């Protein structure tokens, strides 16, 4: 289990180095994930070897939200002061993202001729 976890963390580290070294707009873990996906495509046995660790991490995924919760508690005065503006910004940006996503989906469906009638 430890070698598999080290492998995953090494891919994340390599992704971080590449992202920072090339000044990419993508976060390092995303680059590392893409590299890991490519490695799993090249060596299909790697996916089976990493699967138990991945399932274990996913089973305890809620632990990754603890730092975010601590961050919210640490910034409670800031949230009290600007909470309403933040809430409006979150709601409006969510609605705009949904509208843009559905518009893009409709545009691509029309472009490819796969529009439902």
PDB file of N, CA and C in Angstrom:
ATOM      1  N   UNK A   1       0.829  -1.195   0.000  1.00  0.00           N
ATOM      2  CA  UNK A   1       0.000   0.000   0.000  1.00  0.00           C
ATOM      3  C   UNK A   1       0.872   1.256   0.000  1.00  0.00           C
ATOM      4  N   UNK A   2       1.931   1.256   0.767  1.00  0.00           N
ATOM      5  CA  UNK A   2       2.783   2.449   0.843  1.00  0.00           C
ATOM      6  C   UNK A   2       3.457   2.733  -0.504  1.00  0.00           C
ATOM      7  N   UNK A   3       3.997   1.720  -1.202  1.00  0.00           N
ATOM      8  CA  UNK A   3       4.591   2.035  -2.512  1.00  0.00           C
ATOM      9  C   UNK A   3       3.573   2.624  -3.499  1.00  0.00           C
ATOM     10  N   UNK A   4       2.354   2.147  -3.455  1.00  0.00           N
ATOM     11  CA  UNK A   4       1.328   2.697  -4.352  1.00  0.00           C
ATOM     12  C   UNK A   4       1.014   4.141  -3.982  1.00  0.00           C
ATOM     13  N   UNK A   5       0.932   4.416  -2.697  1.00  0.00           N
ATOM     14  CA  UNK A   5       0.673   5.786  -2.257  1.00  0.00           C
ATOM     15  C   UNK A   5       1.840   6.704  -2.629  1.00  0.00           C
ATOM     16  N   UNK A   6       3.049   6.206  -2.480  1.00  0.00           N
ATOM     17  CA  UNK A   6       4.232   6.985  -2.865  1.00  0.00           C
ATOM     18  C   UNK A   6       4.219   7.252  -4.372  1.00  0.00           C
ATOM     19  N   UNK A   7       3.785   6.265  -5.149  1.00  0.00           N
ATOM     20  CA  UNK A   7       3.698   6.448  -6.599  1.00  0.00           C
ATOM     21  C   UNK A   7       2.729   7.575  -6.943  1.00  0.00           C
ATOM     22  N   UNK A   8       1.567   7.562  -6.302  1.00  0.00           N
ATOM     23  CA  UNK A   8       0.576   8.616  -6.561  1.00  0.00           C
ATOM     24  C   UNK A   8       1.140   9.977  -6.174  1.00  0.00           C
ATOM     25  N   UNK A   9       1.787  10.036  -5.012  1.00  0.00           N
ATOM     26  CA  UNK A   9       2.343  11.318  -4.567  1.00  0.00           C
ATOM     27  C   UNK A   9       3.497  11.777  -5.459  1.00  0.00           C
ATOM     28  N   UNK A  10       4.254  10.828  -6.011  1.00  0.00           N
ATOM     29  CA  UNK A  10       5.327  11.193  -6.941  1.00  0.00           C
ATOM     30  C   UNK A  10       4.747  11.800  -8.223  1.00  0.00           C
ATOM     31  N   UNK A  11       3.658  11.243  -8.702  1.00  0.00           N
ATOM     32  CA  UNK A  11       3.020  11.832  -9.889  1.00  0.00           C
ATOM     33  C   UNK A  11       2.534  13.243  -9.570  1.00  0.00           C
ATOM     34  N   UNK A  12       2.001  13.428  -8.373  1.00  0.00           N
ATOM     35  CA  UNK A  12       1.566  14.771  -7.979  1.00  0.00           C
ATOM     36  C   UNK A  12       2.754  15.719  -7.909  1.00  0.00           C
ATOM     37  N   UNK A  13       3.862  15.242  -7.355  1.00  0.00           N
ATOM     38  CA  UNK A  13       5.067  16.077  -7.256  1.00  0.00           C
ATOM     39  C   UNK A  13       5.599  16.444  -8.637  1.00  0.00           C
ATOM     40  N   UNK A  14       5.654  15.472  -9.523  1.00  0.00           N
ATOM     41  CA  UNK A  14       6.124  15.747 -10.882  1.00  0.00           C
ATOM     42  C   UNK A  14       5.193  16.755 -11.563  1.00  0.00           C
ATOM     43  N   UNK A  15       3.900  16.585 -11.360  1.00  0.00           N
ATOM     44  CA  UNK A  15       2.945  17.542 -11.925  1.00  0.00           C
ATOM     45  C   UNK A  15       3.149  18.935 -11.367  1.00  0.00           C
ATOM     46  N   UNK A  16       3.440  19.002 -10.074  1.00  0.00           N
ATOM     47  CA  UNK A  16       3.674  20.309  -9.457  1.00  0.00           C
ATOM     48  C   UNK A  16       4.937  20.950 -10.025  1.00  0.00           C
ATOM     49  N   UNK A  17       5.975  20.166 -10.193  1.00  0.00           N
ATOM     50  CA  UNK A  17       7.236  20.685 -10.740  1.00  0.00           C
ATOM     51  C   UNK A  17       7.020  21.176 -12.174  1.00  0.00           C
ATOM     52  N   UNK A  18       6.307  20.390 -12.964  1.00  0.00           N
ATOM     53  CA  UNK A  18       6.062  20.784 -14.359  1.00  0.00           C
ATOM     54  C   UNK A  18       5.201  22.040 -14.414  1.00  0.00           C
ATOM     55  N   UNK A  19       4.145  22.068 -13.589  1.00  0.00           N
ATOM     56  CA  UNK A  19       3.242  23.215 -13.603  1.00  0.00           C
ATOM     57  C   UNK A  19       3.964  24.502 -13.200  1.00  0.00           C
ATOM     58  N   UNK A  20       4.759  24.412 -12.151  1.00  0.00           N
ATOM     59  CA  UNK A  20       5.479  25.610 -11.713  1.00  0.00           C
ATOM     60  C   UNK A  20       6.644  25.942 -12.646  1.00  0.00           C
ATOM     61  N   UNK A  21       7.329  24.902 -13.126  1.00  0.00           N
ATOM     62  CA  UNK A  21       8.475  25.128 -14.001  1.00  0.00           C
ATOM     63  C   UNK A  21       8.090  25.747 -15.326  1.00  0.00           C
ATOM     64  N   UNK A  22       6.961  25.328 -15.870  1.00  0.00           N
ATOM     65  CA  UNK A  22       6.507  25.856 -17.159  1.00  0.00           C
ATOM     66  C   UNK A  22       5.499  26.990 -16.995  1.00  0.00           C
ATOM     67  N   UNK A  23       5.209  27.352 -15.731  1.00  0.00           N
ATOM     68  CA  UNK A  23       4.250  28.418 -15.420  1.00  0.00           C
ATOM     69  C   UNK A  23       2.899  28.155 -16.101  1.00  0.00           C
ATOM     70  N   UNK A  24       2.433  26.921 -15.954  1.00  0.00           N
ATOM     71  CA  UNK A  24       1.163  26.529 -16.563  1.00  0.00           C
ATOM     72  C   UNK A  24      -0.008  27.086 -15.755  1.00  0.00           C
ATOM     73  N   UNK A  25      -1.120  27.338 -16.400  1.00  0.00           N
ATOM     74  CA  UNK A  25      -2.283  27.811 -15.650  1.00  0.00           C
ATOM     75  C   UNK A  25      -3.006  26.677 -14.910  1.00  0.00           C
ATOM     76  N   UNK A  26      -2.551  25.448 -15.064  1.00  0.00           N
ATOM     77  CA  UNK A  26      -3.179  24.305 -14.394  1.00  0.00           C
ATOM     78  C   UNK A  26      -2.477  24.028 -13.070  1.00  0.00           C
ATOM     79  N   UNK A  27      -3.236  23.599 -12.052  1.00  0.00           N
ATOM     80  CA  UNK A  27      -2.586  23.207 -10.803  1.00  0.00           C
ATOM     81  C   UNK A  27      -1.743  21.950 -10.998  1.00  0.00           C
ATOM     82  N   UNK A  28      -0.687  21.846 -10.220  1.00  0.00           N
ATOM     83  CA  UNK A  28       0.218  20.710 -10.324  1.00  0.00           C
ATOM     84  C   UNK A  28      -0.462  19.359 -10.147  1.00  0.00           C
ATOM     85  N   UNK A  29      -1.380  19.210  -9.179  1.00  0.00           N
ATOM     86  CA  UNK A  29      -2.043  17.914  -9.035  1.00  0.00           C
ATOM     87  C   UNK A  29      -2.846  17.503 -10.272  1.00  0.00           C
ATOM     88  N   UNK A  30      -3.381  18.478 -10.986  1.00  0.00           N
ATOM     89  CA  UNK A  30      -4.120  18.156 -12.212  1.00  0.00           C
ATOM     90  C   UNK A  30      -3.160  17.637 -13.279  1.00  0.00           C
ATOM     91  N   UNK A  31      -2.008  18.298 -13.388  1.00  0.00           N
ATOM     92  CA  UNK A  31      -0.999  17.840 -14.349  1.00  0.00           C
ATOM     93  C   UNK A  31      -0.523  16.441 -13.960  1.00  0.00           C
ATOM     94  N   UNK A  32      -0.296  16.231 -12.670  1.00  0.00           N
ATOM     95  CA  UNK A  32       0.107  14.912 -12.201  1.00  0.00           C
ATOM     96  C   UNK A  32      -0.948  13.856 -12.469  1.00  0.00           C
ATOM     97  N   UNK A  33      -2.210  14.233 -12.326  1.00  0.00           N
ATOM     98  CA  UNK A  33      -3.295  13.291 -12.611  1.00  0.00           C
ATOM     99  C   UNK A  33      -3.333  12.915 -14.078  1.00  0.00           C
ATOM    100  N   UNK A  34      -3.098  13.890 -14.946  1.00  0.00           N
ATOM    101  CA  UNK A  34      -3.060  13.612 -16.386  1.00  0.00           C
ATOM    102  C   UNK A  34      -1.889  12.679 -16.702  1.00  0.00           C
ATOM    103  N   UNK A  35      -0.737  12.954 -16.071  1.00  0.00           N
ATOM    104  CA  UNK A  35       0.423  12.078 -16.273  1.00  0.00           C
ATOM    105  C   UNK A  35       0.136  10.664 -15.761  1.00  0.00           C
ATOM    106  N   UNK A  36      -0.514  10.572 -14.615  1.00  0.00           N
ATOM    107  CA  UNK A  36      -0.862   9.259 -14.065  1.00  0.00           C
ATOM    108  C   UNK A  36      -1.837   8.529 -14.977  1.00  0.00           C
ATOM    109  N   UNK A  37      -2.786   9.260 -15.524  1.00  0.00           N
ATOM    110  CA  UNK A  37      -3.730   8.652 -16.473  1.00  0.00           C
ATOM    111  C   UNK A  37      -2.998   8.135 -17.697  1.00  0.00           C
ATOM    112  N   UNK A  38      -2.043   8.920 -18.201  1.00  0.00           N
ATOM    113  CA  UNK A  38      -1.251   8.473 -19.343  1.00  0.00           C
ATOM    114  C   UNK A  38      -0.431   7.234 -19.002  1.00  0.00           C
ATOM    115  N   UNK A  39       0.145   7.221 -17.809  1.00  0.00           N
ATOM    116  CA  UNK A  39       0.932   6.053 -17.391  1.00  0.00           C
ATOM    117  C   UNK A  39       0.046   4.809 -17.265  1.00  0.00           C
ATOM    118  N   UNK A  40      -1.174   5.006 -16.791  1.00  0.00           N
ATOM    119  CA  UNK A  40      -2.088   3.856 -16.665  1.00  0.00           C
ATOM    120  C   UNK A  40      -2.535   3.357 -18.032  1.00  0.00           C
ATOM    121  N   UNK A  41      -2.597   4.270 -19.001  1.00  0.00           N
ATOM    122  CA  UNK A  41      -2.950   3.845 -20.367  1.00  0.00           C
ATOM    123  C   UNK A  41      -1.803   3.033 -20.978  1.00  0.00           C
ATOM    124  N   UNK A  42      -0.566   3.449 -20.673  1.00  0.00           N
ATOM    125  CA  UNK A  42       0.595   2.749 -21.215  1.00  0.00           C
ATOM    126  C   UNK A  42       0.826   1.410 -20.516  1.00  0.00           C
ATOM    127  N   UNK A  43       0.573   1.365 -19.213  1.00  0.00           N
ATOM    128  CA  UNK A  43       0.767   0.138 -18.433  1.00  0.00           C
ATOM    129  C   UNK A  43      -0.545  -0.163 -17.706  1.00  0.00           C
ATOM    130  N   UNK A  44      -1.431  -0.916 -18.307  1.00  0.00           N
ATOM    131  CA  UNK A  44      -2.748  -1.175 -17.704  1.00  0.00           C
ATOM    132  C   UNK A  44      -2.674  -1.839 -16.325  1.00  0.00           C
ATOM    133  N   UNK A  45      -1.612  -2.569 -16.041  1.00  0.00           N
ATOM    134  CA  UNK A  45      -1.482  -3.195 -14.731  1.00  0.00           C
ATOM    135  C   UNK A  45      -1.322  -2.197 -13.600  1.00  0.00           C
ATOM    136  N   UNK A  46      -0.870  -0.982 -13.937  1.00  0.00           N
ATOM    137  CA  UNK A  46      -0.680   0.063 -12.928  1.00  0.00           C
ATOM    138  C   UNK A  46      -2.007   0.446 -12.273  1.00  0.00           C
ATOM    139  N   UNK A  47      -3.067   0.468 -13.061  1.00  0.00           N
ATOM    140  CA  UNK A  47      -4.378   0.837 -12.512  1.00  0.00           C
ATOM    141  C   UNK A  47      -4.831  -0.173 -11.455  1.00  0.00           C
ATOM    142  N   UNK A  48      -4.661  -1.440 -11.742  1.00  0.00           N
ATOM    143  CA  UNK A  48      -5.047  -2.468 -10.774  1.00  0.00           C
ATOM    144  C   UNK A  48      -4.186  -2.421  -9.516  1.00  0.00           C
ATOM    145  N   UNK A  49      -2.923  -2.061  -9.694  1.00  0.00           N
ATOM    146  CA  UNK A  49      -2.011  -1.968  -8.556  1.00  0.00           C
ATOM    147  C   UNK A  49      -2.364  -0.774  -7.662  1.00  0.00           C
ATOM    148  N   UNK A  50      -2.820   0.341  -8.275  1.00  0.00           N
ATOM    149  CA  UNK A  50      -3.159   1.545  -7.514  1.00  0.00           C
ATOM    150  C   UNK A  50      -4.590   1.531  -6.977  1.00  0.00           C
ATOM    151  N   UNK A  51      -5.434   0.622  -7.497  1.00  0.00           N
ATOM    152  CA  UNK A  51      -6.857   0.620  -7.148  1.00  0.00           C
ATOM    153  C   UNK A  51      -7.123   0.539  -5.639  1.00  0.00           C
ATOM    154  N   UNK A  52      -6.486  -0.359  -4.874  1.00  0.00           N
ATOM    155  CA  UNK A  52      -6.801  -0.413  -3.433  1.00  0.00           C
ATOM    156  C   UNK A  52      -6.512   0.901  -2.704  1.00  0.00           C
ATOM    157  N   UNK A  53      -5.416   1.551  -3.081  1.00  0.00           N
ATOM    158  CA  UNK A  53      -5.092   2.826  -2.439  1.00  0.00           C
ATOM    159  C   UNK A  53      -6.114   3.892  -2.829  1.00  0.00           C
ATOM    160  N   UNK A  54      -6.469   3.918  -4.097  1.00  0.00           N
ATOM    161  CA  UNK A  54      -7.464   4.888  -4.555  1.00  0.00           C
ATOM    162  C   UNK A  54      -8.805   4.688  -3.866  1.00  0.00           C
ATOM    163  N   UNK A  55      -9.205   3.449  -3.715  1.00  0.00           N
ATOM    164  CA  UNK A  55     -10.479   3.181  -3.030  1.00  0.00           C
ATOM    165  C   UNK A  55     -10.397   3.564  -1.557  1.00  0.00           C
ATOM    166  N   UNK A  56      -9.232   3.330  -0.948  1.00  0.00           N
ATOM    167  CA  UNK A  56      -9.069   3.733   0.453  1.00  0.00           C
ATOM    168  C   UNK A  56      -9.130   5.236   0.636  1.00  0.00           C
ATOM    169  N   UNK A  57      -8.496   5.962  -0.285  1.00  0.00           N
ATOM    170  CA  UNK A  57      -8.531   7.424  -0.211  1.00  0.00           C
ATOM    171  C   UNK A  57      -9.953   7.929  -0.418  1.00  0.00           C
ATOM    172  N   UNK A  58     -10.657   7.332  -1.387  1.00  0.00           N
ATOM    173  CA  UNK A  58     -12.036   7.769  -1.637  1.00  0.00           C
ATOM    174  C   UNK A  58     -12.949   7.459  -0.460  1.00  0.00           C
ATOM    175  N   UNK A  59     -12.691   6.353   0.254  1.00  0.00           N
ATOM    176  CA  UNK A  59     -13.529   6.001   1.411  1.00  0.00           C
ATOM    177  C   UNK A  59     -13.382   7.025   2.529  1.00  0.00           C
ATOM    178  N   UNK A  60     -12.238   7.698   2.578  1.00  0.00           N
ATOM    179  CA  UNK A  60     -12.014   8.694   3.630  1.00  0.00           C
ATOM    180  C   UNK A  60     -11.920  10.101   3.050  1.00  0.00           C
ATOM    181  N   UNK A  61     -12.626  10.316   1.964  1.00  0.00           N
ATOM    182  CA  UNK A  61     -12.570  11.608   1.269  1.00  0.00           C
ATOM    183  C   UNK A  61     -13.051  12.758   2.142  1.00  0.00           C
ATOM    184  N   UNK A  62     -13.968  12.456   3.055  1.00  0.00           N
ATOM    185  CA  UNK A  62     -14.508  13.539   3.889  1.00  0.00           C
ATOM    186  C   UNK A  62     -13.420  14.181   4.753  1.00  0.00           C
ATOM    187  N   UNK A  63     -12.353  13.455   5.034  1.00  0.00           N
ATOM    188  CA  UNK A  63     -11.263  14.041   5.832  1.00  0.00           C
ATOM    189  C   UNK A  63     -10.604  15.215   5.114  1.00  0.00           C
ATOM    190  N   UNK A  64     -10.672  15.224   3.771  1.00  0.00           N
ATOM    191  CA  UNK A  64     -10.055  16.308   3.031  1.00  0.00           C
ATOM    192  C   UNK A  64     -10.830  17.619   3.163  1.00  0.00           C
ATOM    193  N   UNK A  65     -12.056  17.533   3.673  1.00  0.00           N
ATOM    194  CA  UNK A  65     -12.843  18.747   3.859  1.00  0.00           C
ATOM    195  C   UNK A  65     -12.578  19.399   5.213  1.00  0.00           C
ATOM    196  N   UNK A  66     -11.868  18.726   6.091  1.00  0.00           N
ATOM    197  CA  UNK A  66     -11.565  19.287   7.407  1.00  0.00           C
ATOM    198  C   UNK A  66     -10.748  20.572   7.278  1.00  0.00           C
ATOM    199  N   UNK A  67      -9.678  20.609   6.476  1.00  0.00           N
ATOM    200  CA  UNK A  67      -8.940  21.884   6.355  1.00  0.00           C
ATOM    201  C   UNK A  67      -9.817  23.024   5.836  1.00  0.00           C
ATOM    202  N   UNK A  68     -10.721  22.725   4.920  1.00  0.00           N
ATOM    203  CA  UNK A  68     -11.608  23.781   4.417  1.00  0.00           C
ATOM    204  C   UNK A  68     -12.521  24.282   5.532  1.00  0.00           C
ATOM    205  N   UNK A  69     -13.036  23.373   6.345  1.00  0.00           N
ATOM    206  CA  UNK A  69     -13.881  23.772   7.473  1.00  0.00           C
ATOM    207  C   UNK A  69     -13.112  24.593   8.486  1.00  0.00           C
ATOM    208  N   UNK A  70     -11.887  24.209   8.736  1.00  0.00           N
ATOM    209  CA  UNK A  70     -11.046  24.980   9.665  1.00  0.00           C
ATOM    210  C   UNK A  70     -10.775  26.371   9.086  1.00  0.00           C
ATOM    211  N   UNK A  71     -10.559  26.444   7.784  1.00  0.00           N
ATOM    212  CA  UNK A  71     -10.335  27.734   7.139  1.00  0.00           C
ATOM    213  C   UNK A  71     -11.541  28.641   7.255  1.00  0.00           C
ATOM    214  N   UNK A  72     -12.718  28.069   7.122  1.00  0.00           N
ATOM    215  CA  UNK A  72     -13.944  28.878   7.257  1.00  0.00           C
ATOM    216  C   UNK A  72     -14.059  29.411   8.671  1.00  0.00           C
ATOM    217  N   UNK A  73     -13.799  28.561   9.653  1.00  0.00           N
ATOM    218  CA  UNK A  73     -13.875  29.003  11.045  1.00  0.00           C
ATOM    219  C   UNK A  73     -12.818  30.066  11.325  1.00  0.00           C
ATOM    220  N   UNK A  74     -11.650  29.911  10.725  1.00  0.00           N
ATOM    221  CA  UNK A  74     -10.571  30.880  10.957  1.00  0.00           C
ATOM    222  C   UNK A  74     -10.907  32.253  10.371  1.00  0.00           C
ATOM    223  N   UNK A  75     -11.759  32.279   9.364  1.00  0.00           N
ATOM    224  CA  UNK A  75     -12.093  33.554   8.711  1.00  0.00           C
ATOM    225  C   UNK A  75     -13.525  33.992   9.002  1.00  0.00           C
ATOM    226  N   UNK A  76     -14.066  33.594  10.132  1.00  0.00           N
ATOM    227  CA  UNK A  76     -15.436  33.983  10.465  1.00  0.00           C
ATOM    228  C   UNK A  76     -15.654  35.498  10.507  1.00  0.00           C
ATOM    229  N   UNK A  77     -14.738  36.279  11.069  1.00  0.00           N
ATOM    230  CA  UNK A  77     -14.971  37.740  11.032  1.00  0.00           C
ATOM    231  C   UNK A  77     -15.072  38.287   9.608  1.00  0.00           C
ATOM    232  N   UNK A  78     -14.241  37.760   8.717  1.00  0.00           N
ATOM    233  CA  UNK A  78     -14.285  38.189   7.318  1.00  0.00           C
ATOM    234  C   UNK A  78     -15.612  37.780   6.677  1.00  0.00           C
ATOM    235  N   UNK A  79     -16.082  36.591   7.031  1.00  0.00           N
ATOM    236  CA  UNK A  79     -17.362  36.127   6.483  1.00  0.00           C
ATOM    237  C   UNK A  79     -18.524  36.954   7.024  1.00  0.00           C
ATOM    238  N   UNK A  80     -18.436  37.360   8.290  1.00  0.00           N
ATOM    239  CA  UNK A  80     -19.503  38.209   8.835  1.00  0.00           C
ATOM    240  C   UNK A  80     -19.553  39.546   8.098  1.00  0.00           C
ATOM    241  N   UNK A  81     -18.384  40.069   7.779  1.00  0.00           N
ATOM    242  CA  UNK A  81     -18.316  41.385   7.148  1.00  0.00           C
ATOM    243  C   UNK A  81     -18.745  41.347   5.678  1.00  0.00           C
ATOM    244  N   UNK A  82     -18.319  40.320   4.955  1.00  0.00           N
ATOM    245  CA  UNK A  82     -18.580  40.270   3.507  1.00  0.00           C
ATOM    246  C   UNK A  82     -19.395  39.039   3.105  1.00  0.00           C
ATOM    247  N   UNK A  83     -20.057  38.405   4.061  1.00  0.00           N
ATOM    248  CA  UNK A  83     -20.772  37.165   3.781  1.00  0.00           C
ATOM    249  C   UNK A  83     -21.861  37.308   2.736  1.00  0.00           C
ATOM    250  N   UNK A  84     -22.646  38.366   2.828  1.00  0.00           N
ATOM    251  CA  UNK A  84     -23.738  38.550   1.871  1.00  0.00           C
ATOM    252  C   UNK A  84     -23.200  38.749   0.458  1.00  0.00           C
ATOM    253  N   UNK A  85     -22.158  39.559   0.331  1.00  0.00           N
ATOM    254  CA  UNK A  85     -21.563  39.778  -0.994  1.00  0.00           C
ATOM    255  C   UNK A  85     -20.979  38.481  -1.541  1.00  0.00           C
ATOM    256  N   UNK A  86     -20.343  37.696  -0.679  1.00  0.00           N
ATOM    257  CA  UNK A  86     -19.789  36.411  -1.126  1.00  0.00           C
ATOM    258  C   UNK A  86     -20.900  35.466  -1.556  1.00  0.00           C
ATOM    259  N   UNK A  87     -21.993  35.436  -0.791  1.00  0.00           N
ATOM    260  CA  UNK A  87     -23.113  34.564  -1.141  1.00  0.00           C
ATOM    261  C   UNK A  87     -23.715  34.958  -2.485  1.00  0.00           C
ATOM    262  N   UNK A  88     -23.904  36.254  -2.698  1.00  0.00           N
ATOM    263  CA  UNK A  88     -24.443  36.726  -3.981  1.00  0.00           C
ATOM    264  C   UNK A  88     -23.485  36.363  -5.118  1.00  0.00           C
ATOM    265  N   UNK A  89     -22.192  36.560  -4.883  1.00  0.00           N
ATOM    266  CA  UNK A  89     -21.206  36.236  -5.926  1.00  0.00           C
ATOM    267  C   UNK A  89     -21.226  34.741  -6.246  1.00  0.00           C
ATOM    268  N   UNK A  90     -21.351  33.909  -5.216  1.00  0.00           N
ATOM    269  CA  UNK A  90     -21.370  32.458  -5.450  1.00  0.00           C
ATOM    270  C   UNK A  90     -22.624  32.054  -6.216  1.00  0.00           C
ATOM    271  N   UNK A  91     -23.776  32.579  -5.803  1.00  0.00           N
ATOM    272  CA  UNK A  91     -25.031  32.203  -6.469  1.00  0.00           C
ATOM    273  C   UNK A  91     -25.040  32.691  -7.918  1.00  0.00           C
ATOM    274  N   UNK A  92     -24.656  33.957  -8.126  1.00  0.00           N
ATOM    275  CA  UNK A  92     -24.675  34.512  -9.487  1.00  0.00           C
ATOM    276  C   UNK A  92     -23.678  33.779 -10.380  1.00  0.00           C
ATOM    277  N   UNK A  93     -22.477  33.522  -9.866  1.00  0.00           N
ATOM    278  CA  UNK A  93     -21.490  32.829 -10.705  1.00  0.00           C
ATOM    279  C   UNK A  93     -21.912  31.391 -10.991  1.00  0.00           C
ATOM    280  N   UNK A  94     -22.598  30.755 -10.046  1.00  0.00           N
ATOM    281  CA  UNK A  94     -23.093  29.399 -10.294  1.00  0.00           C
ATOM    282  C   UNK A  94     -24.150  29.402 -11.388  1.00  0.00           C
ATOM    283  N   UNK A  95     -25.068  30.344 -11.302  1.00  0.00           N
ATOM    284  CA  UNK A  95     -26.120  30.433 -12.324  1.00  0.00           C
ATOM    285  C   UNK A  95     -25.508  30.747 -13.689  1.00  0.00           C
ATOM    286  N   UNK A  96     -24.551  31.667 -13.724  1.00  0.00           N
ATOM    287  CA  UNK A  96     -23.901  32.003 -14.996  1.00  0.00           C
ATOM    288  C   UNK A  96     -23.135  30.801 -15.558  1.00  0.00           C
ATOM    289  N   UNK A  97     -22.512  30.038 -14.686  1.00  0.00           N
ATOM    290  CA  UNK A  97     -21.794  28.841 -15.147  1.00  0.00           C
ATOM    291  C   UNK A  97     -22.758  27.807 -15.718  1.00  0.00           C
ATOM    292  N   UNK A  98     -23.906  27.645 -15.065  1.00  0.00           N
ATOM    293  CA  UNK A  98     -24.907  26.707 -15.574  1.00  0.00           C
ATOM    294  C   UNK A  98     -25.446  27.169 -16.927  1.00  0.00           C
ATOM    295  N   UNK A  99     -25.714  28.452 -17.056  1.00  0.00           N
ATOM    296  CA  UNK A  99     -26.230  28.987 -18.321  1.00  0.00           C
ATOM    297  C   UNK A  99     -25.180  28.838 -19.417  1.00  0.00           C
ATOM    298  N   UNK A 100     -23.921  29.165 -19.105  1.00  0.00           N
ATOM    299  CA  UNK A 100     -22.852  29.038 -20.110  1.00  0.00           C
ATOM    300  C   UNK A 100     -22.642  27.578 -20.494  1.00  0.00           C
ATOM    301  N   UNK A 101     -22.688  26.684 -19.514  1.00  0.00           N
ATOM    302  CA  UNK A 101     -22.520  25.263 -19.820  1.00  0.00           C
ATOM    303  C   UNK A 101     -23.634  24.717 -20.681  1.00  0.00           C
ATOM    304  N   UNK A 102     -24.861  25.076 -20.349  1.00  0.00           N
ATOM    305  CA  UNK A 102     -25.979  24.581 -21.159  1.00  0.00           C
ATOM    306  C   UNK A 102     -25.969  25.213 -22.545  1.00  0.00           C
ATOM    307  N   UNK A 103     -25.567  26.498 -22.624  1.00  0.00           N
ATOM    308  CA  UNK A 103     -25.463  27.151 -23.933  1.00  0.00           C
ATOM    309  C   UNK A 103     -24.401  26.483 -24.794  1.00  0.00           C
ATOM    310  N   UNK A 104     -23.278  26.153 -24.189  1.00  0.00           N
ATOM    311  CA  UNK A 104     -22.218  25.468 -24.938  1.00  0.00           C
ATOM    312  C   UNK A 104     -22.686  24.085 -25.387  1.00  0.00           C
ATOM    313  N   UNK A 105     -23.416  23.397 -24.518  1.00  0.00           N
ATOM    314  CA  UNK A 105     -23.929  22.076 -24.886  1.00  0.00           C
ATOM    315  C   UNK A 105     -24.892  22.175 -26.062  1.00  0.00           C
ATOM    316  N   UNK A 106     -25.796  23.139 -26.011  1.00  0.00           N
ATOM    317  CA  UNK A 106     -26.756  23.318 -27.106  1.00  0.00           C
ATOM    318  C   UNK A 106     -26.027  23.698 -28.388  1.00  0.00           C
ATOM    319  N   UNK A 107     -25.036  24.595 -28.285  1.00  0.00           N
ATOM    320  CA  UNK A 107     -24.273  25.021 -29.456  1.00  0.00           C
ATOM    321  C   UNK A 107     -23.564  23.831 -30.099  1.00  0.00           C
ATOM    322  N   UNK A 108     -22.916  23.005 -29.287  1.00  0.00           N
ATOM    323  CA  UNK A 108     -22.198  21.846 -29.831  1.00  0.00           C
ATOM    324  C   UNK A 108     -23.177  20.829 -30.412  1.00  0.00           C
ATOM    325  N   UNK A 109     -24.328  20.662 -29.756  1.00  0.00           N
ATOM    326  CA  UNK A 109     -25.327  19.725 -30.283  1.00  0.00           C
ATOM    327  C   UNK A 109     -25.831  20.174 -31.645  1.00  0.00           C
ATOM    328  N   UNK A 110     -26.046  21.485 -31.795  1.00  0.00           N
ATOM    329  CA  UNK A 110     -26.481  22.002 -33.096  1.00  0.00           C
ATOM    330  C   UNK A 110     -25.364  21.899 -34.125  1.00  0.00           C
ATOM    331  N   UNK A 111     -24.143  22.167 -33.676  1.00  0.00           N
ATOM    332  CA  UNK A 111     -22.988  22.127 -34.567  1.00  0.00           C
ATOM    333  C   UNK A 111     -22.738  20.717 -35.101  1.00  0.00           C
ATOM    334  N   UNK A 112     -22.951  19.735 -34.268  1.00  0.00           N
ATOM    335  CA  UNK A 112     -22.702  18.348 -34.681  1.00  0.00           C
ATOM    336  C   UNK A 112     -23.940  17.683 -35.251  1.00  0.00           C
ATOM    337  N   UNK A 113     -25.065  18.391 -35.231  1.00  0.00           N
ATOM    338  CA  UNK A 113     -26.289  17.827 -35.799  1.00  0.00           C
ATOM    339  C   UNK A 113     -26.924  16.765 -34.929  1.00  0.00           C
ATOM    340  N   UNK A 114     -26.598  16.746 -33.669  1.00  0.00           N
ATOM    341  CA  UNK A 114     -27.162  15.766 -32.752  1.00  0.00           C
ATOM    342  C   UNK A 114     -28.226  16.381 -31.860  1.00  0.00           C
ATOM    343  N   UNK A 115     -28.890  17.361 -32.371  1.00  0.00           N
ATOM    344  CA  UNK A 115     -29.929  18.033 -31.617  1.00  0.00           C
ATOM    345  C   UNK A 115     -31.143  17.124 -31.483  1.00  0.00           C
ATOM    346  N   UNK A 116     -31.691  17.059 -30.274  1.00  0.00           N
ATOM    347  CA  UNK A 116     -32.869  16.221 -30.056  1.00  0.00           C
ATOM    348  C   UNK A 116     -34.097  16.947 -30.591  1.00  0.00           C
ATOM    349  N   UNK A 117     -34.978  16.226 -31.259  1.00  0.00           N
ATOM    350  CA  UNK A 117     -36.170  16.850 -31.846  1.00  0.00           C
ATOM    351  C   UNK A 117     -37.397  16.533 -31.078  1.00  0.00           C
TER     352      UNK A 117
END
